[in-house]
Amino acid sequence: MNISNVIIFLTSFEIFFYTWLSIFLLLLIILIFLIIKYYRIKKKIKNKIVKEKEESNQFNKTKDFDEIIKIFEENFKQGNLSKAIIDSYSKLRNVITNHFSIFVNEYFTEKEAVMEIYSKHPSLIAYSSIIYNIYLIYEKARFGEKGITSEECSSYYSYLKELINFLKRKYGTV
């Protein structure tokens, strides 16, 4: 083997090597760029989904809060004061326990359940007297023999609206 053949072979090998190395590096750079772009798009889509889900939850929360008032008003217009209070209270309790993920044991009395509800969530403690007043009027509507007076019904409605407005301001949109 002569030296000129070796030099030509090494030169051609270097050209071949550097050509493929350049191609490989270019492809590697393109691949890294595409991976970065993929993760950016994926993050954007995820953020969009999370935002839409939060907006949907906000709408559903506000809708649930409005439904409580609607239940009361519909029964009140029909003259069913006790039913207005009982039905709206039941809906209020369900919405609050679901919204705050509060588990109330089945063996609790309603009074114990009410205390459990507002003791489990710090933001409800400030409204504990309103919640308790709502409960007292509910208890009279449910178990009282005399029935509910229009003053008690008005008090219940004002307590209910105040609590609902607080919940909507804090956890939904008014």
N, C-alpha and C. Protein backbone atom coordinates (compact mmCIF):
# COMPACT_ATOMS: atom_id res chain seq x y z
N MET A 1 0.83 -1.16 0.00
CA MET A 1 0.00 0.00 0.00
C MET A 1 0.89 1.24 0.00
N ASN A 2 0.54 2.05 -0.80
CA ASN A 2 1.39 3.20 -0.92
C ASN A 2 0.80 4.37 -0.11
N ILE A 3 1.64 5.28 0.20
CA ILE A 3 1.27 6.38 1.10
C ILE A 3 0.23 7.30 0.49
N SER A 4 0.27 7.50 -0.80
CA SER A 4 -0.72 8.37 -1.44
C SER A 4 -2.12 7.76 -1.36
N ASN A 5 -2.20 6.44 -1.49
CA ASN A 5 -3.51 5.76 -1.34
C ASN A 5 -4.04 5.90 0.09
N VAL A 6 -3.16 5.80 1.04
CA VAL A 6 -3.55 5.94 2.45
C VAL A 6 -4.04 7.36 2.71
N ILE A 7 -3.36 8.34 2.18
CA ILE A 7 -3.76 9.74 2.37
C ILE A 7 -5.10 9.99 1.70
N ILE A 8 -5.29 9.48 0.51
CA ILE A 8 -6.57 9.65 -0.18
C ILE A 8 -7.68 8.96 0.62
N PHE A 9 -7.39 7.77 1.11
CA PHE A 9 -8.36 7.03 1.89
C PHE A 9 -8.73 7.81 3.17
N LEU A 10 -7.72 8.32 3.87
CA LEU A 10 -7.98 9.07 5.10
C LEU A 10 -8.71 10.37 4.80
N THR A 11 -8.35 11.03 3.75
CA THR A 11 -9.02 12.26 3.38
C THR A 11 -10.47 11.99 3.02
N SER A 12 -10.71 10.97 2.22
CA SER A 12 -12.09 10.66 1.85
C SER A 12 -12.88 10.19 3.07
N PHE A 13 -12.22 9.46 3.97
CA PHE A 13 -12.90 9.02 5.20
C PHE A 13 -13.25 10.23 6.07
N GLU A 14 -12.34 11.20 6.18
CA GLU A 14 -12.61 12.40 6.97
C GLU A 14 -13.76 13.20 6.37
N ILE A 15 -13.76 13.31 5.08
CA ILE A 15 -14.85 14.03 4.41
C ILE A 15 -16.17 13.31 4.68
N PHE A 16 -16.15 12.01 4.49
CA PHE A 16 -17.35 11.21 4.76
C PHE A 16 -17.78 11.36 6.23
N PHE A 17 -16.85 11.26 7.15
CA PHE A 17 -17.13 11.34 8.58
C PHE A 17 -17.70 12.70 8.94
N TYR A 18 -17.06 13.77 8.52
CA TYR A 18 -17.50 15.11 8.86
C TYR A 18 -18.83 15.47 8.19
N THR A 19 -19.05 14.94 7.02
CA THR A 19 -20.34 15.16 6.35
C THR A 19 -21.46 14.54 7.17
N TRP A 20 -21.30 13.28 7.53
CA TRP A 20 -22.33 12.60 8.32
C TRP A 20 -22.44 13.18 9.73
N LEU A 21 -21.35 13.59 10.28
CA LEU A 21 -21.39 14.23 11.60
C LEU A 21 -22.18 15.53 11.53
N SER A 22 -21.97 16.30 10.49
CA SER A 22 -22.71 17.56 10.31
C SER A 22 -24.20 17.27 10.14
N ILE A 23 -24.52 16.29 9.33
CA ILE A 23 -25.93 15.91 9.12
C ILE A 23 -26.55 15.45 10.44
N PHE A 24 -25.82 14.63 11.16
CA PHE A 24 -26.32 14.12 12.44
C PHE A 24 -26.55 15.27 13.43
N LEU A 25 -25.62 16.20 13.53
CA LEU A 25 -25.77 17.34 14.44
C LEU A 25 -26.94 18.22 14.03
N LEU A 26 -27.11 18.43 12.74
CA LEU A 26 -28.24 19.21 12.25
C LEU A 26 -29.56 18.53 12.63
N LEU A 27 -29.64 17.23 12.43
CA LEU A 27 -30.85 16.49 12.79
C LEU A 27 -31.09 16.52 14.31
N LEU A 28 -30.02 16.44 15.06
CA LEU A 28 -30.13 16.50 16.52
C LEU A 28 -30.67 17.85 16.97
N ILE A 29 -30.18 18.91 16.37
CA ILE A 29 -30.66 20.26 16.70
C ILE A 29 -32.13 20.40 16.33
N ILE A 30 -32.51 19.91 15.17
CA ILE A 30 -33.92 19.95 14.75
C ILE A 30 -34.78 19.15 15.72
N LEU A 31 -34.31 17.97 16.11
CA LEU A 31 -35.05 17.14 17.06
C LEU A 31 -35.23 17.85 18.41
N ILE A 32 -34.19 18.46 18.92
CA ILE A 32 -34.28 19.19 20.19
C ILE A 32 -35.26 20.35 20.06
N PHE A 33 -35.19 21.07 18.96
CA PHE A 33 -36.12 22.16 18.71
C PHE A 33 -37.57 21.65 18.71
N LEU A 34 -37.83 20.55 18.01
CA LEU A 34 -39.18 19.99 17.94
C LEU A 34 -39.68 19.50 19.31
N ILE A 35 -38.79 18.92 20.10
CA ILE A 35 -39.18 18.47 21.44
C ILE A 35 -39.56 19.66 22.31
N ILE A 36 -38.76 20.71 22.26
CA ILE A 36 -39.08 21.92 23.03
C ILE A 36 -40.41 22.50 22.59
N LYS A 37 -40.61 22.56 21.29
CA LYS A 37 -41.87 23.10 20.76
C LYS A 37 -43.05 22.23 21.20
N TYR A 38 -42.89 20.91 21.16
CA TYR A 38 -43.93 19.98 21.59
C TYR A 38 -44.33 20.24 23.04
N TYR A 39 -43.34 20.37 23.93
CA TYR A 39 -43.65 20.59 25.34
C TYR A 39 -44.28 21.95 25.59
N ARG A 40 -43.89 22.96 24.83
CA ARG A 40 -44.54 24.27 24.96
C ARG A 40 -46.00 24.21 24.55
N ILE A 41 -46.26 23.55 23.43
CA ILE A 41 -47.65 23.41 22.96
C ILE A 41 -48.46 22.58 23.95
N LYS A 42 -47.86 21.51 24.45
CA LYS A 42 -48.53 20.65 25.42
C LYS A 42 -48.88 21.45 26.68
N LYS A 43 -47.96 22.27 27.15
CA LYS A 43 -48.19 23.09 28.34
C LYS A 43 -49.30 24.11 28.09
N LYS A 44 -49.30 24.71 26.90
CA LYS A 44 -50.33 25.68 26.54
C LYS A 44 -51.71 25.03 26.54
N ILE A 45 -51.80 23.86 25.94
CA ILE A 45 -53.07 23.13 25.88
C ILE A 45 -53.53 22.74 27.29
N LYS A 46 -52.61 22.27 28.10
CA LYS A 46 -52.95 21.89 29.48
C LYS A 46 -53.45 23.10 30.25
N ASN A 47 -52.77 24.22 30.14
CA ASN A 47 -53.21 25.44 30.83
C ASN A 47 -54.59 25.88 30.36
N LYS A 48 -54.82 25.74 29.06
CA LYS A 48 -56.13 26.13 28.51
C LYS A 48 -57.23 25.22 29.06
N ILE A 49 -56.96 23.93 29.14
CA ILE A 49 -57.94 22.98 29.68
C ILE A 49 -58.21 23.27 31.14
N VAL A 50 -57.16 23.53 31.90
CA VAL A 50 -57.32 23.84 33.32
C VAL A 50 -58.14 25.12 33.50
N LYS A 51 -57.84 26.12 32.69
CA LYS A 51 -58.57 27.39 32.78
C LYS A 51 -60.04 27.19 32.43
N GLU A 52 -60.32 26.44 31.37
CA GLU A 52 -61.71 26.18 30.99
C GLU A 52 -62.44 25.40 32.08
N LYS A 53 -61.74 24.45 32.68
CA LYS A 53 -62.35 23.66 33.75
C LYS A 53 -62.67 24.53 34.96
N GLU A 54 -61.75 25.43 35.32
CA GLU A 54 -61.99 26.34 36.44
C GLU A 54 -63.16 27.26 36.14
N GLU A 55 -63.22 27.78 34.91
CA GLU A 55 -64.34 28.65 34.54
C GLU A 55 -65.65 27.89 34.59
N SER A 56 -65.63 26.65 34.13
CA SER A 56 -66.84 25.82 34.18
C SER A 56 -67.26 25.56 35.62
N ASN A 57 -66.29 25.27 36.49
CA ASN A 57 -66.60 25.05 37.90
C ASN A 57 -67.16 26.31 38.54
N GLN A 58 -66.59 27.47 38.20
CA GLN A 58 -67.10 28.73 38.73
C GLN A 58 -68.55 28.93 38.30
N PHE A 59 -68.84 28.64 37.03
CA PHE A 59 -70.20 28.79 36.54
C PHE A 59 -71.14 27.84 37.27
N ASN A 60 -70.72 26.58 37.45
CA ASN A 60 -71.58 25.61 38.13
C ASN A 60 -71.81 25.98 39.59
N LYS A 61 -70.78 26.51 40.25
CA LYS A 61 -70.94 26.93 41.64
C LYS A 61 -71.95 28.06 41.73
N THR A 62 -71.80 29.05 40.89
CA THR A 62 -72.71 30.18 40.89
C THR A 62 -74.12 29.70 40.56
N LYS A 63 -74.23 28.78 39.62
CA LYS A 63 -75.52 28.24 39.24
C LYS A 63 -76.17 27.52 40.43
N ASP A 64 -75.38 26.73 41.17
CA ASP A 64 -75.90 26.05 42.35
C ASP A 64 -76.37 27.04 43.41
N PHE A 65 -75.59 28.10 43.61
CA PHE A 65 -75.98 29.10 44.60
C PHE A 65 -77.29 29.78 44.19
N ASP A 66 -77.41 30.11 42.91
CA ASP A 66 -78.63 30.75 42.41
C ASP A 66 -79.83 29.82 42.52
N GLU A 67 -79.60 28.54 42.34
CA GLU A 67 -80.69 27.57 42.40
C GLU A 67 -81.31 27.52 43.80
N ILE A 68 -80.52 27.73 44.83
CA ILE A 68 -81.04 27.72 46.20
C ILE A 68 -82.07 28.83 46.36
N ILE A 69 -81.72 30.03 45.92
CA ILE A 69 -82.64 31.17 46.00
C ILE A 69 -83.88 30.90 45.14
N LYS A 70 -83.66 30.33 43.97
CA LYS A 70 -84.78 30.05 43.06
C LYS A 70 -85.77 29.07 43.69
N ILE A 71 -85.26 28.03 44.35
CA ILE A 71 -86.13 27.06 45.02
C ILE A 71 -86.98 27.75 46.07
N PHE A 72 -86.34 28.61 46.86
CA PHE A 72 -87.07 29.32 47.90
C PHE A 72 -88.15 30.21 47.29
N GLU A 73 -87.77 31.00 46.30
CA GLU A 73 -88.71 31.96 45.71
C GLU A 73 -89.89 31.28 45.04
N GLU A 74 -89.65 30.17 44.35
CA GLU A 74 -90.75 29.46 43.69
C GLU A 74 -91.78 28.95 44.70
N ASN A 75 -91.30 28.32 45.76
CA ASN A 75 -92.22 27.82 46.78
C ASN A 75 -92.89 28.95 47.54
N PHE A 76 -92.16 30.04 47.77
CA PHE A 76 -92.72 31.18 48.48
C PHE A 76 -93.87 31.80 47.68
N LYS A 77 -93.68 31.93 46.37
CA LYS A 77 -94.73 32.50 45.51
C LYS A 77 -95.99 31.66 45.53
N GLN A 78 -95.83 30.36 45.72
CA GLN A 78 -96.98 29.46 45.78
C GLN A 78 -97.61 29.45 47.16
N GLY A 79 -97.03 30.16 48.10
CA GLY A 79 -97.58 30.23 49.46
C GLY A 79 -97.12 29.11 50.37
N ASN A 80 -96.20 28.30 49.93
CA ASN A 80 -95.69 27.18 50.74
C ASN A 80 -94.46 27.65 51.53
N LEU A 81 -94.70 28.36 52.63
CA LEU A 81 -93.58 28.92 53.39
C LEU A 81 -92.68 27.82 53.95
N SER A 82 -93.29 26.83 54.58
CA SER A 82 -92.49 25.75 55.18
C SER A 82 -91.73 24.98 54.11
N LYS A 83 -92.40 24.67 53.01
CA LYS A 83 -91.75 23.94 51.92
C LYS A 83 -90.61 24.77 51.32
N ALA A 84 -90.81 26.08 51.20
CA ALA A 84 -89.77 26.96 50.67
C ALA A 84 -88.51 26.87 51.54
N ILE A 85 -88.72 26.89 52.85
CA ILE A 85 -87.59 26.84 53.77
C ILE A 85 -86.94 25.47 53.77
N ILE A 86 -87.75 24.43 53.86
CA ILE A 86 -87.22 23.05 53.93
C ILE A 86 -86.44 22.69 52.66
N ASP A 87 -87.03 22.97 51.51
CA ASP A 87 -86.37 22.61 50.25
C ASP A 87 -85.11 23.42 49.99
N SER A 88 -85.17 24.72 50.26
CA SER A 88 -83.99 25.55 50.01
C SER A 88 -82.88 25.21 51.01
N TYR A 89 -83.26 24.88 52.24
CA TYR A 89 -82.25 24.48 53.24
C TYR A 89 -81.56 23.18 52.81
N SER A 90 -82.35 22.22 52.34
CA SER A 90 -81.77 20.94 51.90
C SER A 90 -80.79 21.16 50.76
N LYS A 91 -81.17 22.00 49.81
CA LYS A 91 -80.28 22.31 48.69
C LYS A 91 -79.04 23.04 49.17
N LEU A 92 -79.22 24.00 50.10
CA LEU A 92 -78.08 24.74 50.65
C LEU A 92 -77.10 23.79 51.33
N ARG A 93 -77.62 22.88 52.12
CA ARG A 93 -76.74 21.94 52.83
C ARG A 93 -75.98 21.06 51.83
N ASN A 94 -76.67 20.58 50.81
CA ASN A 94 -76.00 19.75 49.81
C ASN A 94 -74.92 20.53 49.06
N VAL A 95 -75.24 21.74 48.67
CA VAL A 95 -74.27 22.55 47.92
C VAL A 95 -73.05 22.85 48.78
N ILE A 96 -73.26 23.22 50.03
CA ILE A 96 -72.13 23.54 50.91
C ILE A 96 -71.27 22.31 51.18
N THR A 97 -71.91 21.18 51.49
CA THR A 97 -71.11 19.98 51.77
C THR A 97 -70.35 19.52 50.53
N ASN A 98 -70.98 19.61 49.36
CA ASN A 98 -70.28 19.23 48.12
C ASN A 98 -69.19 20.23 47.76
N HIS A 99 -69.50 21.50 47.89
CA HIS A 99 -68.55 22.55 47.50
C HIS A 99 -67.29 22.50 48.36
N PHE A 100 -67.45 22.30 49.65
CA PHE A 100 -66.31 22.29 50.56
C PHE A 100 -65.79 20.89 50.83
N SER A 101 -66.38 19.90 50.18
CA SER A 101 -65.99 18.49 50.37
C SER A 101 -66.00 18.10 51.85
N ILE A 102 -67.09 18.45 52.49
CA ILE A 102 -67.23 18.15 53.92
C ILE A 102 -68.07 16.89 54.05
N PHE A 103 -67.53 15.92 54.75
CA PHE A 103 -68.26 14.68 54.99
C PHE A 103 -68.98 14.80 56.34
N VAL A 104 -70.30 14.63 56.30
CA VAL A 104 -71.10 14.68 57.52
C VAL A 104 -71.63 13.27 57.76
N ASN A 105 -71.31 12.73 58.92
CA ASN A 105 -71.75 11.38 59.25
C ASN A 105 -73.27 11.28 59.28
N GLU A 106 -73.77 10.14 58.86
CA GLU A 106 -75.21 9.93 58.80
C GLU A 106 -75.86 9.92 60.17
N TYR A 107 -75.11 9.54 61.19
CA TYR A 107 -75.69 9.43 62.52
C TYR A 107 -75.76 10.78 63.25
N PHE A 108 -75.25 11.84 62.63
CA PHE A 108 -75.34 13.17 63.24
C PHE A 108 -76.77 13.67 63.17
N THR A 109 -77.16 14.40 64.20
CA THR A 109 -78.42 15.14 64.09
C THR A 109 -78.17 16.30 63.15
N GLU A 110 -79.22 16.94 62.70
CA GLU A 110 -79.04 18.06 61.78
C GLU A 110 -78.26 19.20 62.45
N LYS A 111 -78.51 19.42 63.72
CA LYS A 111 -77.80 20.46 64.46
C LYS A 111 -76.30 20.15 64.51
N GLU A 112 -75.95 18.90 64.78
CA GLU A 112 -74.55 18.49 64.79
C GLU A 112 -73.94 18.62 63.40
N ALA A 113 -74.72 18.30 62.40
CA ALA A 113 -74.24 18.41 61.01
C ALA A 113 -73.93 19.87 60.67
N VAL A 114 -74.81 20.78 61.10
CA VAL A 114 -74.59 22.21 60.83
C VAL A 114 -73.31 22.68 61.52
N MET A 115 -73.12 22.28 62.77
CA MET A 115 -71.90 22.66 63.48
C MET A 115 -70.66 22.06 62.83
N GLU A 116 -70.79 20.85 62.34
CA GLU A 116 -69.68 20.19 61.64
C GLU A 116 -69.33 20.95 60.36
N ILE A 117 -70.34 21.40 59.65
CA ILE A 117 -70.13 22.10 58.39
C ILE A 117 -69.36 23.39 58.60
N TYR A 118 -69.81 24.24 59.52
CA TYR A 118 -69.11 25.51 59.64
C TYR A 118 -67.84 25.42 60.49
N SER A 119 -67.66 24.33 61.21
CA SER A 119 -66.39 24.19 61.94
C SER A 119 -65.29 23.62 61.05
N LYS A 120 -65.66 22.98 59.95
CA LYS A 120 -64.67 22.34 59.07
C LYS A 120 -64.04 23.30 58.07
N HIS A 121 -64.69 24.43 57.85
CA HIS A 121 -64.14 25.34 56.85
C HIS A 121 -63.99 26.74 57.45
N PRO A 122 -62.77 27.29 57.45
CA PRO A 122 -62.52 28.58 58.10
C PRO A 122 -63.36 29.73 57.58
N SER A 123 -63.64 29.76 56.29
CA SER A 123 -64.40 30.90 55.76
C SER A 123 -65.85 30.88 56.20
N LEU A 124 -66.36 29.72 56.60
CA LEU A 124 -67.74 29.64 57.06
C LEU A 124 -67.89 29.99 58.54
N ILE A 125 -66.80 29.97 59.27
CA ILE A 125 -66.87 30.28 60.70
C ILE A 125 -67.38 31.70 60.91
N ALA A 126 -66.97 32.63 60.06
CA ALA A 126 -67.42 34.01 60.16
C ALA A 126 -68.93 34.13 59.97
N TYR A 127 -69.50 33.19 59.25
CA TYR A 127 -70.94 33.21 58.99
C TYR A 127 -71.68 32.15 59.81
N SER A 128 -71.05 31.66 60.86
CA SER A 128 -71.65 30.59 61.66
C SER A 128 -72.97 31.02 62.29
N SER A 129 -73.09 32.28 62.73
CA SER A 129 -74.34 32.73 63.34
C SER A 129 -75.46 32.77 62.30
N ILE A 130 -75.13 33.18 61.09
CA ILE A 130 -76.15 33.20 60.02
C ILE A 130 -76.56 31.78 59.68
N ILE A 131 -75.58 30.90 59.54
CA ILE A 131 -75.90 29.49 59.23
C ILE A 131 -76.76 28.90 60.34
N TYR A 132 -76.42 29.21 61.58
CA TYR A 132 -77.19 28.67 62.71
C TYR A 132 -78.60 29.25 62.73
N ASN A 133 -78.76 30.54 62.43
CA ASN A 133 -80.10 31.13 62.35
C ASN A 133 -80.92 30.50 61.24
N ILE A 134 -80.29 30.25 60.11
CA ILE A 134 -80.97 29.56 59.01
C ILE A 134 -81.43 28.19 59.49
N TYR A 135 -80.55 27.50 60.21
CA TYR A 135 -80.90 26.17 60.73
C TYR A 135 -82.07 26.25 61.70
N LEU A 136 -82.07 27.22 62.61
CA LEU A 136 -83.16 27.32 63.60
C LEU A 136 -84.51 27.53 62.93
N ILE A 137 -84.54 28.38 61.92
CA ILE A 137 -85.80 28.61 61.21
C ILE A 137 -86.19 27.36 60.43
N TYR A 138 -85.22 26.69 59.84
CA TYR A 138 -85.48 25.41 59.14
C TYR A 138 -86.07 24.39 60.11
N GLU A 139 -85.47 24.30 61.29
CA GLU A 139 -85.94 23.33 62.28
C GLU A 139 -87.39 23.60 62.65
N LYS A 140 -87.75 24.87 62.83
CA LYS A 140 -89.14 25.22 63.15
C LYS A 140 -90.06 24.88 61.98
N ALA A 141 -89.61 25.14 60.77
CA ALA A 141 -90.44 24.84 59.59
C ALA A 141 -90.65 23.34 59.46
N ARG A 142 -89.63 22.59 59.77
CA ARG A 142 -89.71 21.13 59.59
C ARG A 142 -90.45 20.44 60.72
N PHE A 143 -90.22 20.88 61.95
CA PHE A 143 -90.78 20.16 63.10
C PHE A 143 -91.82 20.95 63.89
N GLY A 144 -91.93 22.25 63.64
CA GLY A 144 -92.87 23.08 64.40
C GLY A 144 -94.31 22.80 64.02
N GLU A 145 -95.16 22.81 65.01
CA GLU A 145 -96.58 22.53 64.76
C GLU A 145 -97.34 23.79 64.36
N LYS A 146 -96.88 24.94 64.80
CA LYS A 146 -97.59 26.19 64.54
C LYS A 146 -97.38 26.71 63.13
N GLY A 147 -96.32 26.33 62.52
CA GLY A 147 -96.02 26.84 61.19
C GLY A 147 -95.09 28.05 61.26
N ILE A 148 -94.77 28.55 60.13
CA ILE A 148 -93.81 29.65 60.00
C ILE A 148 -94.57 30.95 59.76
N THR A 149 -94.15 31.99 60.47
CA THR A 149 -94.76 33.30 60.24
C THR A 149 -94.06 33.97 59.07
N SER A 150 -94.69 34.98 58.54
CA SER A 150 -94.09 35.69 57.41
C SER A 150 -92.81 36.42 57.83
N GLU A 151 -92.73 36.87 59.09
CA GLU A 151 -91.51 37.52 59.60
C GLU A 151 -90.35 36.53 59.63
N GLU A 152 -90.64 35.32 60.10
CA GLU A 152 -89.59 34.30 60.14
C GLU A 152 -89.14 33.94 58.72
N CYS A 153 -90.11 33.88 57.83
CA CYS A 153 -89.78 33.57 56.44
C CYS A 153 -88.93 34.69 55.83
N SER A 154 -89.26 35.93 56.14
CA SER A 154 -88.46 37.07 55.65
C SER A 154 -87.06 37.03 56.24
N SER A 155 -86.96 36.71 57.53
CA SER A 155 -85.64 36.60 58.17
C SER A 155 -84.83 35.50 57.51
N TYR A 156 -85.46 34.35 57.29
CA TYR A 156 -84.78 33.23 56.65
C TYR A 156 -84.27 33.65 55.28
N TYR A 157 -85.11 34.32 54.52
CA TYR A 157 -84.75 34.75 53.17
C TYR A 157 -83.58 35.73 53.20
N SER A 158 -83.60 36.68 54.13
CA SER A 158 -82.50 37.65 54.20
C SER A 158 -81.21 36.96 54.65
N TYR A 159 -81.29 36.04 55.61
CA TYR A 159 -80.10 35.27 56.02
C TYR A 159 -79.57 34.46 54.83
N LEU A 160 -80.48 33.81 54.14
CA LEU A 160 -80.11 32.97 53.01
C LEU A 160 -79.42 33.80 51.93
N LYS A 161 -80.00 34.95 51.59
CA LYS A 161 -79.40 35.81 50.56
C LYS A 161 -78.03 36.31 50.99
N GLU A 162 -77.90 36.67 52.26
CA GLU A 162 -76.60 37.16 52.74
C GLU A 162 -75.55 36.07 52.64
N LEU A 163 -75.90 34.86 53.04
CA LEU A 163 -74.96 33.74 52.96
C LEU A 163 -74.62 33.41 51.50
N ILE A 164 -75.63 33.37 50.66
CA ILE A 164 -75.41 33.05 49.24
C ILE A 164 -74.55 34.12 48.58
N ASN A 165 -74.81 35.38 48.89
CA ASN A 165 -73.99 36.46 48.30
C ASN A 165 -72.54 36.36 48.76
N PHE A 166 -72.34 36.00 50.02
CA PHE A 166 -70.97 35.80 50.51
C PHE A 166 -70.30 34.66 49.74
N LEU A 167 -71.00 33.54 49.59
CA LEU A 167 -70.43 32.38 48.89
C LEU A 167 -70.15 32.70 47.43
N LYS A 168 -71.04 33.44 46.80
CA LYS A 168 -70.83 33.80 45.39
C LYS A 168 -69.65 34.75 45.24
N ARG A 169 -69.52 35.70 46.17
CA ARG A 169 -68.37 36.63 46.11
C ARG A 169 -67.06 35.88 46.32
N LYS A 170 -67.07 34.96 47.26
CA LYS A 170 -65.83 34.27 47.62
C LYS A 170 -65.49 33.15 46.63
N TYR A 171 -66.50 32.42 46.15
CA TYR A 171 -66.23 31.21 45.36
C TYR A 171 -66.83 31.22 43.97
N GLY A 172 -67.49 32.27 43.61
CA GLY A 172 -68.09 32.36 42.27
C GLY A 172 -68.02 33.79 41.82
N THR A 173 -68.91 34.16 40.96
CA THR A 173 -68.98 35.54 40.52
C THR A 173 -70.39 36.03 40.76
N VAL A 174 -70.49 37.25 41.21
CA VAL A 174 -71.81 37.83 41.47
C VAL A 174 -72.23 38.62 40.28
